[in-house]
């Protein structure tokens, strides 16, 4: 992983995305990274709540290489596009005030 690359982290189910700002290797060979997290309010609120409960700081300044994973802008764009294509028919019907057809059940 190199400086400037997009990475992700999962903190208790909160999916975070950020950009690597710096890298260092410690004496045991582990790579550590400083990351600029993007639109990270949900994580920040969760961490603030945890710190209020424990009266301890839990914020990490650096992330070991096994705590972050590479993300692909191209892959994320494709996932979002597929999501949009999946919901588009239902959204179009809803926006027009129509509902999707349902099977007709005749009462005999």
Protein backbone atom coordinates (compact mmCIF):
# COMPACT_ATOMS: atom_id res chain seq x y z
CA UNK A 1 0.00 0.00 0.00
CA UNK A 2 1.35 3.36 -1.00
CA UNK A 3 0.78 7.00 -0.07
CA UNK A 4 -2.21 8.47 -1.91
CA UNK A 5 -4.05 5.14 -2.30
CA UNK A 6 -7.68 4.64 -1.30
CA UNK A 7 -8.20 2.25 1.62
CA UNK A 8 -11.07 1.02 3.79
CA UNK A 9 -11.51 -0.08 7.38
CA UNK A 10 -14.40 -1.74 9.22
CA UNK A 11 -14.96 -0.53 12.79
CA UNK A 12 -17.78 -2.51 14.46
CA UNK A 13 -19.76 -2.54 11.20
CA UNK A 14 -18.96 1.06 10.24
CA UNK A 15 -17.41 1.02 6.78
CA UNK A 16 -14.83 3.79 6.46
CA UNK A 17 -12.92 5.01 3.40
CA UNK A 18 -9.79 7.13 3.42
CA UNK A 19 -6.56 8.09 1.72
CA UNK A 20 -3.11 7.03 2.93
CA UNK A 21 -1.14 10.12 3.99
CA UNK A 22 2.07 8.54 5.33
CA UNK A 23 3.77 5.18 5.82
CA UNK A 24 6.43 3.95 8.22
CA UNK A 25 7.98 0.56 8.91
CA UNK A 26 8.68 -0.29 12.56
CA UNK A 27 11.66 -2.29 13.84
CA UNK A 28 9.72 -5.57 13.65
CA UNK A 29 8.87 -5.01 9.98
CA UNK A 30 5.21 -3.99 10.30
CA UNK A 31 4.00 -1.17 8.06
CA UNK A 32 1.96 1.55 9.77
CA UNK A 33 -0.13 4.15 7.95
CA UNK A 34 -1.67 7.50 8.74
CA UNK A 35 -4.99 7.85 6.92
CA UNK A 36 -7.18 10.84 6.10
CA UNK A 37 -10.69 9.42 6.52
CA UNK A 38 -13.50 10.75 4.32
CA UNK A 39 -17.03 11.61 5.52
CA UNK A 40 -16.25 9.89 8.83
CA UNK A 41 -18.96 11.38 11.07
CA UNK A 42 -20.62 8.06 11.94
CA UNK A 43 -17.29 6.63 13.16
CA UNK A 44 -16.42 9.83 15.04
CA UNK A 45 -19.79 9.79 16.82
CA UNK A 46 -19.39 6.11 17.74
CA UNK A 47 -15.89 6.71 19.07
CA UNK A 48 -17.02 9.75 21.07
CA UNK A 49 -19.80 7.64 22.61
CA UNK A 50 -17.32 4.85 23.49
CA UNK A 51 -14.91 7.37 25.03
CA UNK A 52 -17.73 8.86 27.12
CA UNK A 53 -18.57 5.38 28.45
CA UNK A 54 -14.98 4.36 29.24
CA UNK A 55 -13.27 7.68 29.98
CA UNK A 56 -10.42 6.51 27.70
CA UNK A 57 -9.16 7.63 24.31
CA UNK A 58 -9.63 4.99 21.61
CA UNK A 59 -8.67 7.02 18.55
CA UNK A 60 -5.84 5.53 16.48
CA UNK A 61 -3.25 7.84 14.98
CA UNK A 62 -1.78 5.06 12.82
CA UNK A 63 -3.17 1.85 11.38
CA UNK A 64 -1.16 -1.34 11.04
CA UNK A 65 -1.24 -2.83 7.56
CA UNK A 66 -3.64 -5.59 8.62
CA UNK A 67 -6.18 -3.00 9.88
CA UNK A 68 -6.77 -1.38 6.50
CA UNK A 69 -7.41 -2.82 3.04
CA UNK A 70 -6.95 -1.42 -0.45
CA UNK A 71 -10.09 -0.10 -2.15
CA UNK A 72 -10.60 0.36 -5.87
CA UNK A 73 -12.39 3.50 -7.09
CA UNK A 74 -13.29 1.62 -10.28
CA UNK A 75 -14.80 -1.29 -8.35
CA UNK A 76 -16.74 1.04 -6.01
CA UNK A 77 -18.10 2.94 -9.01
CA UNK A 78 -19.28 -0.32 -10.60
CA UNK A 79 -20.93 -1.44 -7.36
CA UNK A 80 -22.79 1.87 -7.03
CA UNK A 81 -23.87 1.74 -10.69
CA UNK A 82 -25.16 -1.81 -10.29
CA UNK A 83 -27.04 -0.73 -7.17
CA UNK A 84 -28.59 2.21 -9.04
CA UNK A 85 -29.59 -0.09 -11.91
CA UNK A 86 -31.16 -2.53 -9.46
CA UNK A 87 -33.34 0.04 -7.72
CA UNK A 88 -34.17 2.15 -10.78
CA UNK A 89 -37.30 0.23 -11.95
CA UNK A 90 -38.90 0.30 -8.49
CA UNK A 91 -37.98 3.96 -8.02
CA UNK A 92 -39.43 4.92 -11.40
CA UNK A 93 -42.73 3.23 -10.59
CA UNK A 94 -42.89 4.83 -7.16
CA UNK A 95 -42.05 8.28 -8.53
CA UNK A 96 -44.92 8.03 -11.01
CA UNK A 97 -47.39 7.10 -8.30
CA UNK A 98 -47.73 3.59 -9.64
CA UNK A 99 -47.05 0.34 -7.93
CA UNK A 100 -45.46 -2.76 -9.30
CA UNK A 101 -47.92 -5.34 -10.66
CA UNK A 102 -48.86 -8.10 -8.26
CA UNK A 103 -50.42 -11.48 -9.03
CA UNK A 104 -54.21 -11.39 -9.23
CA UNK A 105 -55.96 -13.67 -6.81
CA UNK A 106 -59.60 -14.23 -7.68
CA UNK A 107 -61.89 -15.24 -4.91
CA UNK A 108 -64.15 -18.09 -5.94
